[in-house]
Amino acid sequence: MGIYLSPEERDALMSRFDTNRDGNISDVEIYNVLSRLNSKDLDSEVIEQANLAIKKIAAGAEDHASMKEYVKVLFKKFDLNNDGLITMQELSDGLKRI
């Protein structure tokens, strides 16, 4: 079962996860965003779209003992070339797989 995101949601999600703006997503960036899911920073439509996408992804954590464990599993599914970073393409492809 894949997670369907519109192109706008994918772009917003990449922007939200890539907190250091290097064009890639690290496991630390994913953890930081997912663990702060309850933040009240819905200032714009882009952030709102990203938060909806993040909620879709975070829902899978229920099947794991902790958020850290879930992020480790999730990161392995996204980081196809095992370089320790997730590109926009890997994010998009990974969302289809989870």
PDB file of N, CA and C in Angstrom:
ATOM      1  N   MET A   1       0.842  -1.174   0.000  1.00  0.00           N
ATOM      2  CA  MET A   1       0.000   0.000   0.000  1.00  0.00           C
ATOM      3  C   MET A   1       0.891   1.242   0.000  1.00  0.00           C
ATOM      4  N   GLY A   2       0.798   2.034  -1.035  1.00  0.00           N
ATOM      5  CA  GLY A   2       1.601   3.240  -1.125  1.00  0.00           C
ATOM      6  C   GLY A   2       0.875   4.442  -0.546  1.00  0.00           C
ATOM      7  N   ILE A   3       1.638   5.470  -0.271  1.00  0.00           N
ATOM      8  CA  ILE A   3       1.069   6.731   0.179  1.00  0.00           C
ATOM      9  C   ILE A   3       1.025   7.641  -1.027  1.00  0.00           C
ATOM     10  N   TYR A   4      -0.162   8.027  -1.455  1.00  0.00           N
ATOM     11  CA  TYR A   4      -0.275   8.911  -2.604  1.00  0.00           C
ATOM     12  C   TYR A   4      -0.171  10.353  -2.138  1.00  0.00           C
ATOM     13  N   LEU A   5       0.745  11.082  -2.753  1.00  0.00           N
ATOM     14  CA  LEU A   5       0.869  12.509  -2.497  1.00  0.00           C
ATOM     15  C   LEU A   5       0.817  13.242  -3.821  1.00  0.00           C
ATOM     16  N   SER A   6       0.146  14.350  -3.823  1.00  0.00           N
ATOM     17  CA  SER A   6       0.126  15.192  -5.021  1.00  0.00           C
ATOM     18  C   SER A   6       1.516  15.791  -5.217  1.00  0.00           C
ATOM     19  N   PRO A   7       1.826  16.299  -6.411  1.00  0.00           N
ATOM     20  CA  PRO A   7       3.128  16.955  -6.610  1.00  0.00           C
ATOM     21  C   PRO A   7       3.360  18.091  -5.620  1.00  0.00           C
ATOM     22  N   GLU A   8       2.312  18.824  -5.291  1.00  0.00           N
ATOM     23  CA  GLU A   8       2.441  19.913  -4.322  1.00  0.00           C
ATOM     24  C   GLU A   8       2.778  19.384  -2.942  1.00  0.00           C
ATOM     25  N   GLU A   9       2.132  18.268  -2.544  1.00  0.00           N
ATOM     26  CA  GLU A   9       2.414  17.658  -1.247  1.00  0.00           C
ATOM     27  C   GLU A   9       3.845  17.120  -1.202  1.00  0.00           C
ATOM     28  N   ARG A  10       4.309  16.491  -2.302  1.00  0.00           N
ATOM     29  CA  ARG A  10       5.690  15.984  -2.343  1.00  0.00           C
ATOM     30  C   ARG A  10       6.688  17.118  -2.191  1.00  0.00           C
ATOM     31  N   ASP A  11       6.477  18.212  -2.923  1.00  0.00           N
ATOM     32  CA  ASP A  11       7.383  19.357  -2.826  1.00  0.00           C
ATOM     33  C   ASP A  11       7.368  19.944  -1.421  1.00  0.00           C
ATOM     34  N   ALA A  12       6.171  20.075  -0.861  1.00  0.00           N
ATOM     35  CA  ALA A  12       6.049  20.629   0.493  1.00  0.00           C
ATOM     36  C   ALA A  12       6.712  19.715   1.508  1.00  0.00           C
ATOM     37  N   LEU A  13       6.551  18.412   1.330  1.00  0.00           N
ATOM     38  CA  LEU A  13       7.147  17.448   2.240  1.00  0.00           C
ATOM     39  C   LEU A  13       8.674  17.509   2.171  1.00  0.00           C
ATOM     40  N   MET A  14       9.204  17.559   0.968  1.00  0.00           N
ATOM     41  CA  MET A  14      10.657  17.650   0.810  1.00  0.00           C
ATOM     42  C   MET A  14      11.165  18.916   1.480  1.00  0.00           C
ATOM     43  N   SER A  15      10.468  19.999   1.270  1.00  0.00           N
ATOM     44  CA  SER A  15      10.869  21.265   1.874  1.00  0.00           C
ATOM     45  C   SER A  15      10.826  21.188   3.398  1.00  0.00           C
ATOM     46  N   ARG A  16       9.822  20.531   3.921  1.00  0.00           N
ATOM     47  CA  ARG A  16       9.665  20.437   5.380  1.00  0.00           C
ATOM     48  C   ARG A  16      10.707  19.525   6.004  1.00  0.00           C
ATOM     49  N   PHE A  17      11.013  18.388   5.347  1.00  0.00           N
ATOM     50  CA  PHE A  17      11.998  17.454   5.888  1.00  0.00           C
ATOM     51  C   PHE A  17      13.422  17.972   5.731  1.00  0.00           C
ATOM     52  N   ASP A  18      13.712  18.623   4.627  1.00  0.00           N
ATOM     53  CA  ASP A  18      15.080  19.079   4.342  1.00  0.00           C
ATOM     54  C   ASP A  18      15.370  20.369   5.108  1.00  0.00           C
ATOM     55  N   THR A  19      15.533  20.242   6.414  1.00  0.00           N
ATOM     56  CA  THR A  19      15.653  21.420   7.275  1.00  0.00           C
ATOM     57  C   THR A  19      16.943  22.204   7.073  1.00  0.00           C
ATOM     58  N   ASN A  20      18.001  21.545   6.608  1.00  0.00           N
ATOM     59  CA  ASN A  20      19.250  22.291   6.377  1.00  0.00           C
ATOM     60  C   ASN A  20      19.384  22.755   4.930  1.00  0.00           C
ATOM     61  N   ARG A  21      18.375  22.486   4.120  1.00  0.00           N
ATOM     62  CA  ARG A  21      18.275  22.962   2.734  1.00  0.00           C
ATOM     63  C   ARG A  21      19.454  22.542   1.852  1.00  0.00           C
ATOM     64  N   ASP A  22      19.934  21.290   2.043  1.00  0.00           N
ATOM     65  CA  ASP A  22      21.020  20.808   1.196  1.00  0.00           C
ATOM     66  C   ASP A  22      20.524  19.948   0.037  1.00  0.00           C
ATOM     67  N   GLY A  23      19.203  19.808  -0.102  1.00  0.00           N
ATOM     68  CA  GLY A  23      18.634  19.022  -1.191  1.00  0.00           C
ATOM     69  C   GLY A  23      18.485  17.553  -0.876  1.00  0.00           C
ATOM     70  N   ASN A  24      18.848  17.149   0.341  1.00  0.00           N
ATOM     71  CA  ASN A  24      18.740  15.761   0.776  1.00  0.00           C
ATOM     72  C   ASN A  24      18.108  15.727   2.156  1.00  0.00           C
ATOM     73  N   ILE A  25      17.635  14.540   2.533  1.00  0.00           N
ATOM     74  CA  ILE A  25      17.017  14.361   3.839  1.00  0.00           C
ATOM     75  C   ILE A  25      17.814  13.318   4.611  1.00  0.00           C
ATOM     76  N   SER A  26      18.218  13.641   5.815  1.00  0.00           N
ATOM     77  CA  SER A  26      18.925  12.682   6.662  1.00  0.00           C
ATOM     78  C   SER A  26      17.941  12.027   7.627  1.00  0.00           C
ATOM     79  N   ASP A  27      18.384  10.940   8.250  1.00  0.00           N
ATOM     80  CA  ASP A  27      17.526  10.283   9.235  1.00  0.00           C
ATOM     81  C   ASP A  27      17.240  11.200  10.420  1.00  0.00           C
ATOM     82  N   VAL A  28      18.194  12.036  10.778  1.00  0.00           N
ATOM     83  CA  VAL A  28      17.987  12.985  11.875  1.00  0.00           C
ATOM     84  C   VAL A  28      16.903  13.996  11.506  1.00  0.00           C
ATOM     85  N   GLU A  29      16.911  14.470  10.267  1.00  0.00           N
ATOM     86  CA  GLU A  29      15.881  15.411   9.827  1.00  0.00           C
ATOM     87  C   GLU A  29      14.498  14.771   9.874  1.00  0.00           C
ATOM     88  N   ILE A  30      14.386  13.525   9.422  1.00  0.00           N
ATOM     89  CA  ILE A  30      13.097  12.832   9.473  1.00  0.00           C
ATOM     90  C   ILE A  30      12.641  12.684  10.917  1.00  0.00           C
ATOM     91  N   TYR A  31      13.545  12.243  11.769  1.00  0.00           N
ATOM     92  CA  TYR A  31      13.183  12.063  13.178  1.00  0.00           C
ATOM     93  C   TYR A  31      12.713  13.374  13.799  1.00  0.00           C
ATOM     94  N   ASN A  32      13.459  14.436  13.567  1.00  0.00           N
ATOM     95  CA  ASN A  32      13.097  15.728  14.155  1.00  0.00           C
ATOM     96  C   ASN A  32      11.720  16.195  13.707  1.00  0.00           C
ATOM     97  N   VAL A  33      11.405  16.021  12.438  1.00  0.00           N
ATOM     98  CA  VAL A  33      10.101  16.460  11.932  1.00  0.00           C
ATOM     99  C   VAL A  33       8.981  15.572  12.470  1.00  0.00           C
ATOM    100  N   LEU A  34       9.156  14.248  12.402  1.00  0.00           N
ATOM    101  CA  LEU A  34       8.089  13.352  12.857  1.00  0.00           C
ATOM    102  C   LEU A  34       7.861  13.457  14.357  1.00  0.00           C
ATOM    103  N   SER A  35       8.918  13.670  15.124  1.00  0.00           N
ATOM    104  CA  SER A  35       8.752  13.727  16.569  1.00  0.00           C
ATOM    105  C   SER A  35       8.138  15.045  17.033  1.00  0.00           C
ATOM    106  N   ARG A  36       8.144  16.063  16.174  1.00  0.00           N
ATOM    107  CA  ARG A  36       7.530  17.351  16.510  1.00  0.00           C
ATOM    108  C   ARG A  36       6.205  17.546  15.776  1.00  0.00           C
ATOM    109  N   LEU A  37       5.540  16.499  15.456  1.00  0.00           N
ATOM    110  CA  LEU A  37       4.334  16.541  14.643  1.00  0.00           C
ATOM    111  C   LEU A  37       3.247  17.442  15.209  1.00  0.00           C
ATOM    112  N   ASN A  38       3.198  17.605  16.496  1.00  0.00           N
ATOM    113  CA  ASN A  38       2.135  18.394  17.108  1.00  0.00           C
ATOM    114  C   ASN A  38       2.408  19.893  17.132  1.00  0.00           C
ATOM    115  N   SER A  39       3.432  20.341  16.428  1.00  0.00           N
ATOM    116  CA  SER A  39       3.735  21.771  16.444  1.00  0.00           C
ATOM    117  C   SER A  39       2.573  22.563  15.846  1.00  0.00           C
ATOM    118  N   LYS A  40       2.464  23.812  16.222  1.00  0.00           N
ATOM    119  CA  LYS A  40       1.352  24.656  15.782  1.00  0.00           C
ATOM    120  C   LYS A  40       1.830  25.734  14.835  1.00  0.00           C
ATOM    121  N   ASP A  41       2.630  25.327  13.848  1.00  0.00           N
ATOM    122  CA  ASP A  41       3.190  26.310  12.925  1.00  0.00           C
ATOM    123  C   ASP A  41       2.514  26.277  11.555  1.00  0.00           C
ATOM    124  N   LEU A  42       1.211  26.088  11.532  1.00  0.00           N
ATOM    125  CA  LEU A  42       0.465  26.034  10.282  1.00  0.00           C
ATOM    126  C   LEU A  42       0.208  27.445   9.755  1.00  0.00           C
ATOM    127  N   ASP A  43       1.262  28.130   9.365  1.00  0.00           N
ATOM    128  CA  ASP A  43       1.148  29.514   8.919  1.00  0.00           C
ATOM    129  C   ASP A  43       0.788  29.649   7.445  1.00  0.00           C
ATOM    130  N   SER A  44       1.036  28.620   6.671  1.00  0.00           N
ATOM    131  CA  SER A  44       0.791  28.742   5.243  1.00  0.00           C
ATOM    132  C   SER A  44       0.220  27.445   4.682  1.00  0.00           C
ATOM    133  N   GLU A  45      -0.281  27.542   3.474  1.00  0.00           N
ATOM    134  CA  GLU A  45      -0.841  26.365   2.814  1.00  0.00           C
ATOM    135  C   GLU A  45       0.234  25.307   2.574  1.00  0.00           C
ATOM    136  N   VAL A  46       1.454  25.727   2.253  1.00  0.00           N
ATOM    137  CA  VAL A  46       2.541  24.779   2.013  1.00  0.00           C
ATOM    138  C   VAL A  46       2.849  23.982   3.273  1.00  0.00           C
ATOM    139  N   ILE A  47       2.934  24.663   4.395  1.00  0.00           N
ATOM    140  CA  ILE A  47       3.207  23.969   5.648  1.00  0.00           C
ATOM    141  C   ILE A  47       2.041  23.053   5.996  1.00  0.00           C
ATOM    142  N   GLU A  48       0.833  23.487   5.739  1.00  0.00           N
ATOM    143  CA  GLU A  48      -0.336  22.655   6.005  1.00  0.00           C
ATOM    144  C   GLU A  48      -0.298  21.381   5.149  1.00  0.00           C
ATOM    145  N   GLN A  49       0.053  21.512   3.859  1.00  0.00           N
ATOM    146  CA  GLN A  49       0.155  20.338   2.991  1.00  0.00           C
ATOM    147  C   GLN A  49       1.253  19.399   3.473  1.00  0.00           C
ATOM    148  N   ALA A  50       2.375  19.971   3.886  1.00  0.00           N
ATOM    149  CA  ALA A  50       3.472  19.141   4.393  1.00  0.00           C
ATOM    150  C   ALA A  50       3.053  18.411   5.659  1.00  0.00           C
ATOM    151  N   ASN A  51       2.347  19.092   6.541  1.00  0.00           N
ATOM    152  CA  ASN A  51       1.897  18.445   7.776  1.00  0.00           C
ATOM    153  C   ASN A  51       0.925  17.307   7.495  1.00  0.00           C
ATOM    154  N   LEU A  52       0.064  17.460   6.512  1.00  0.00           N
ATOM    155  CA  LEU A  52      -0.844  16.369   6.142  1.00  0.00           C
ATOM    156  C   LEU A  52      -0.059  15.165   5.635  1.00  0.00           C
ATOM    157  N   ALA A  53       0.943  15.422   4.812  1.00  0.00           N
ATOM    158  CA  ALA A  53       1.783  14.336   4.296  1.00  0.00           C
ATOM    159  C   ALA A  53       2.563  13.680   5.431  1.00  0.00           C
ATOM    160  N   ILE A  54       3.073  14.485   6.357  1.00  0.00           N
ATOM    161  CA  ILE A  54       3.820  13.948   7.492  1.00  0.00           C
ATOM    162  C   ILE A  54       2.920  13.076   8.355  1.00  0.00           C
ATOM    163  N   LYS A  55       1.685  13.484   8.555  1.00  0.00           N
ATOM    164  CA  LYS A  55       0.751  12.681   9.337  1.00  0.00           C
ATOM    165  C   LYS A  55       0.511  11.331   8.678  1.00  0.00           C
ATOM    166  N   LYS A  56       0.425  11.321   7.348  1.00  0.00           N
ATOM    167  CA  LYS A  56       0.257  10.057   6.623  1.00  0.00           C
ATOM    168  C   LYS A  56       1.445   9.136   6.881  1.00  0.00           C
ATOM    169  N   ILE A  57       2.638   9.706   6.856  1.00  0.00           N
ATOM    170  CA  ILE A  57       3.844   8.906   7.081  1.00  0.00           C
ATOM    171  C   ILE A  57       3.934   8.471   8.544  1.00  0.00           C
ATOM    172  N   ALA A  58       3.683   9.376   9.466  1.00  0.00           N
ATOM    173  CA  ALA A  58       3.808   9.087  10.892  1.00  0.00           C
ATOM    174  C   ALA A  58       2.835   8.015  11.364  1.00  0.00           C
ATOM    175  N   ALA A  59       1.745   7.828  10.646  1.00  0.00           N
ATOM    176  CA  ALA A  59       0.757   6.824  11.042  1.00  0.00           C
ATOM    177  C   ALA A  59       1.371   5.430  11.126  1.00  0.00           C
ATOM    178  N   GLY A  60       2.410   5.175  10.362  1.00  0.00           N
ATOM    179  CA  GLY A  60       3.065   3.874  10.389  1.00  0.00           C
ATOM    180  C   GLY A  60       3.838   3.594  11.659  1.00  0.00           C
ATOM    181  N   ALA A  61       4.108   4.606  12.454  1.00  0.00           N
ATOM    182  CA  ALA A  61       4.867   4.432  13.693  1.00  0.00           C
ATOM    183  C   ALA A  61       4.109   3.592  14.715  1.00  0.00           C
ATOM    184  N   GLU A  62       2.806   3.519  14.570  1.00  0.00           N
ATOM    185  CA  GLU A  62       1.996   2.751  15.516  1.00  0.00           C
ATOM    186  C   GLU A  62       2.397   1.285  15.568  1.00  0.00           C
ATOM    187  N   ASP A  63       2.978   0.773  14.492  1.00  0.00           N
ATOM    188  CA  ASP A  63       3.370  -0.630  14.417  1.00  0.00           C
ATOM    189  C   ASP A  63       4.776  -0.886  14.945  1.00  0.00           C
ATOM    190  N   HIS A  64       5.421   0.122  15.525  1.00  0.00           N
ATOM    191  CA  HIS A  64       6.786  -0.011  16.013  1.00  0.00           C
ATOM    192  C   HIS A  64       6.876   0.391  17.486  1.00  0.00           C
ATOM    193  N   ALA A  65       7.922  -0.070  18.141  1.00  0.00           N
ATOM    194  CA  ALA A  65       8.080   0.170  19.574  1.00  0.00           C
ATOM    195  C   ALA A  65       8.324   1.638  19.899  1.00  0.00           C
ATOM    196  N   SER A  66       8.981   2.350  18.987  1.00  0.00           N
ATOM    197  CA  SER A  66       9.283   3.761  19.235  1.00  0.00           C
ATOM    198  C   SER A  66       9.401   4.501  17.913  1.00  0.00           C
ATOM    199  N   MET A  67       9.368   5.820  17.979  1.00  0.00           N
ATOM    200  CA  MET A  67       9.548   6.636  16.787  1.00  0.00           C
ATOM    201  C   MET A  67      10.949   6.432  16.206  1.00  0.00           C
ATOM    202  N   LYS A  68      11.958   6.300  17.081  1.00  0.00           N
ATOM    203  CA  LYS A  68      13.330   6.086  16.593  1.00  0.00           C
ATOM    204  C   LYS A  68      13.417   4.795  15.786  1.00  0.00           C
ATOM    205  N   GLU A  69      12.800   3.736  16.290  1.00  0.00           N
ATOM    206  CA  GLU A  69      12.811   2.458  15.571  1.00  0.00           C
ATOM    207  C   GLU A  69      12.106   2.608  14.223  1.00  0.00           C
ATOM    208  N   TYR A  70      10.964   3.276  14.227  1.00  0.00           N
ATOM    209  CA  TYR A  70      10.210   3.482  12.995  1.00  0.00           C
ATOM    210  C   TYR A  70      11.024   4.272  11.976  1.00  0.00           C
ATOM    211  N   VAL A  71      11.690   5.323  12.414  1.00  0.00           N
ATOM    212  CA  VAL A  71      12.486   6.143  11.495  1.00  0.00           C
ATOM    213  C   VAL A  71      13.623   5.317  10.895  1.00  0.00           C
ATOM    214  N   LYS A  72      14.246   4.444  11.671  1.00  0.00           N
ATOM    215  CA  LYS A  72      15.316   3.591  11.134  1.00  0.00           C
ATOM    216  C   LYS A  72      14.778   2.706  10.009  1.00  0.00           C
ATOM    217  N   VAL A  73      13.639   2.095  10.252  1.00  0.00           N
ATOM    218  CA  VAL A  73      13.017   1.226   9.240  1.00  0.00           C
ATOM    219  C   VAL A  73      12.604   2.048   8.023  1.00  0.00           C
ATOM    220  N   LEU A  74      11.973   3.171   8.279  1.00  0.00           N
ATOM    221  CA  LEU A  74      11.508   4.053   7.213  1.00  0.00           C
ATOM    222  C   LEU A  74      12.674   4.553   6.366  1.00  0.00           C
ATOM    223  N   PHE A  75      13.742   4.962   7.028  1.00  0.00           N
ATOM    224  CA  PHE A  75      14.894   5.506   6.321  1.00  0.00           C
ATOM    225  C   PHE A  75      15.500   4.469   5.374  1.00  0.00           C
ATOM    226  N   LYS A  76      15.580   3.224   5.815  1.00  0.00           N
ATOM    227  CA  LYS A  76      16.122   2.159   4.963  1.00  0.00           C
ATOM    228  C   LYS A  76      15.262   1.969   3.716  1.00  0.00           C
ATOM    229  N   LYS A  77      13.957   2.154   3.857  1.00  0.00           N
ATOM    230  CA  LYS A  77      13.062   2.002   2.713  1.00  0.00           C
ATOM    231  C   LYS A  77      13.241   3.131   1.701  1.00  0.00           C
ATOM    232  N   PHE A  78      13.609   4.317   2.176  1.00  0.00           N
ATOM    233  CA  PHE A  78      13.774   5.470   1.297  1.00  0.00           C
ATOM    234  C   PHE A  78      15.170   5.567   0.691  1.00  0.00           C
ATOM    235  N   ASP A  79      16.194   5.285   1.467  1.00  0.00           N
ATOM    236  CA  ASP A  79      17.580   5.478   1.045  1.00  0.00           C
ATOM    237  C   ASP A  79      18.049   4.297   0.200  1.00  0.00           C
ATOM    238  N   LEU A  80      17.632   4.273  -1.052  1.00  0.00           N
ATOM    239  CA  LEU A  80      17.896   3.124  -1.919  1.00  0.00           C
ATOM    240  C   LEU A  80      19.368   2.920  -2.252  1.00  0.00           C
ATOM    241  N   ASN A  81      20.128   3.990  -2.337  1.00  0.00           N
ATOM    242  CA  ASN A  81      21.550   3.826  -2.675  1.00  0.00           C
ATOM    243  C   ASN A  81      22.431   3.759  -1.426  1.00  0.00           C
ATOM    244  N   ASN A  82      21.812   3.730  -0.256  1.00  0.00           N
ATOM    245  CA  ASN A  82      22.514   3.567   1.019  1.00  0.00           C
ATOM    246  C   ASN A  82      23.619   4.583   1.253  1.00  0.00           C
ATOM    247  N   ASP A  83      23.385   5.825   0.835  1.00  0.00           N
ATOM    248  CA  ASP A  83      24.405   6.847   1.059  1.00  0.00           C
ATOM    249  C   ASP A  83      24.151   7.664   2.313  1.00  0.00           C
ATOM    250  N   GLY A  84      23.109   7.309   3.068  1.00  0.00           N
ATOM    251  CA  GLY A  84      22.808   8.010   4.303  1.00  0.00           C
ATOM    252  C   GLY A  84      21.968   9.255   4.119  1.00  0.00           C
ATOM    253  N   LEU A  85      21.517   9.510   2.890  1.00  0.00           N
ATOM    254  CA  LEU A  85      20.690  10.673   2.583  1.00  0.00           C
ATOM    255  C   LEU A  85      19.541  10.264   1.672  1.00  0.00           C
ATOM    256  N   ILE A  86      18.465  11.022   1.710  1.00  0.00           N
ATOM    257  CA  ILE A  86      17.317  10.753   0.848  1.00  0.00           C
ATOM    258  C   ILE A  86      17.142  11.935  -0.098  1.00  0.00           C
ATOM    259  N   THR A  87      17.146  11.634  -1.380  1.00  0.00           N
ATOM    260  CA  THR A  87      16.915  12.665  -2.388  1.00  0.00           C
ATOM    261  C   THR A  87      15.412  12.800  -2.626  1.00  0.00           C
ATOM    262  N   MET A  88      15.038  13.823  -3.366  1.00  0.00           N
ATOM    263  CA  MET A  88      13.625  14.011  -3.705  1.00  0.00           C
ATOM    264  C   MET A  88      13.091  12.789  -4.441  1.00  0.00           C
ATOM    265  N   GLN A  89      13.877  12.239  -5.359  1.00  0.00           N
ATOM    266  CA  GLN A  89      13.434  11.059  -6.110  1.00  0.00           C
ATOM    267  C   GLN A  89      13.269   9.860  -5.192  1.00  0.00           C
ATOM    268  N   GLU A  90      14.210   9.662  -4.268  1.00  0.00           N
ATOM    269  CA  GLU A  90      14.092   8.555  -3.332  1.00  0.00           C
ATOM    270  C   GLU A  90      12.876   8.732  -2.422  1.00  0.00           C
ATOM    271  N   LEU A  91      12.611   9.964  -2.013  1.00  0.00           N
ATOM    272  CA  LEU A  91      11.437  10.244  -1.194  1.00  0.00           C
ATOM    273  C   LEU A  91      10.163   9.885  -1.945  1.00  0.00           C
ATOM    274  N   SER A  92      10.082  10.342  -3.174  1.00  0.00           N
ATOM    275  CA  SER A  92       8.905  10.089  -4.002  1.00  0.00           C
ATOM    276  C   SER A  92       8.720   8.584  -4.227  1.00  0.00           C
ATOM    277  N   ASP A  93       9.795   7.900  -4.604  1.00  0.00           N
ATOM    278  CA  ASP A  93       9.720   6.456  -4.841  1.00  0.00           C
ATOM    279  C   ASP A  93       9.404   5.697  -3.560  1.00  0.00           C
ATOM    280  N   GLY A  94      10.006   6.114  -2.445  1.00  0.00           N
ATOM    281  CA  GLY A  94       9.788   5.449  -1.170  1.00  0.00           C
ATOM    282  C   GLY A  94       8.356   5.561  -0.682  1.00  0.00           C
ATOM    283  N   LEU A  95       7.750   6.700  -0.923  1.00  0.00           N
ATOM    284  CA  LEU A  95       6.358   6.888  -0.500  1.00  0.00           C
ATOM    285  C   LEU A  95       5.436   5.926  -1.224  1.00  0.00           C
ATOM    286  N   LYS A  96       5.772   5.604  -2.447  1.00  0.00           N
ATOM    287  CA  LYS A  96       4.950   4.656  -3.212  1.00  0.00           C
ATOM    288  C   LYS A  96       5.068   3.239  -2.654  1.00  0.00           C
ATOM    289  N   ARG A  97       6.227   2.948  -2.033  1.00  0.00           N
ATOM    290  CA  ARG A  97       6.486   1.603  -1.526  1.00  0.00           C
ATOM    291  C   ARG A  97       5.941   1.351  -0.115  1.00  0.00           C
ATOM    292  N   ILE A  98       5.776   2.405   0.671  1.00  0.00           N
ATOM    293  CA  ILE A  98       5.358   2.152   2.063  1.00  0.00           C
ATOM    294  C   ILE A  98       3.850   2.195   2.210  1.00  0.00           C
TER     295      ILE A  98
END
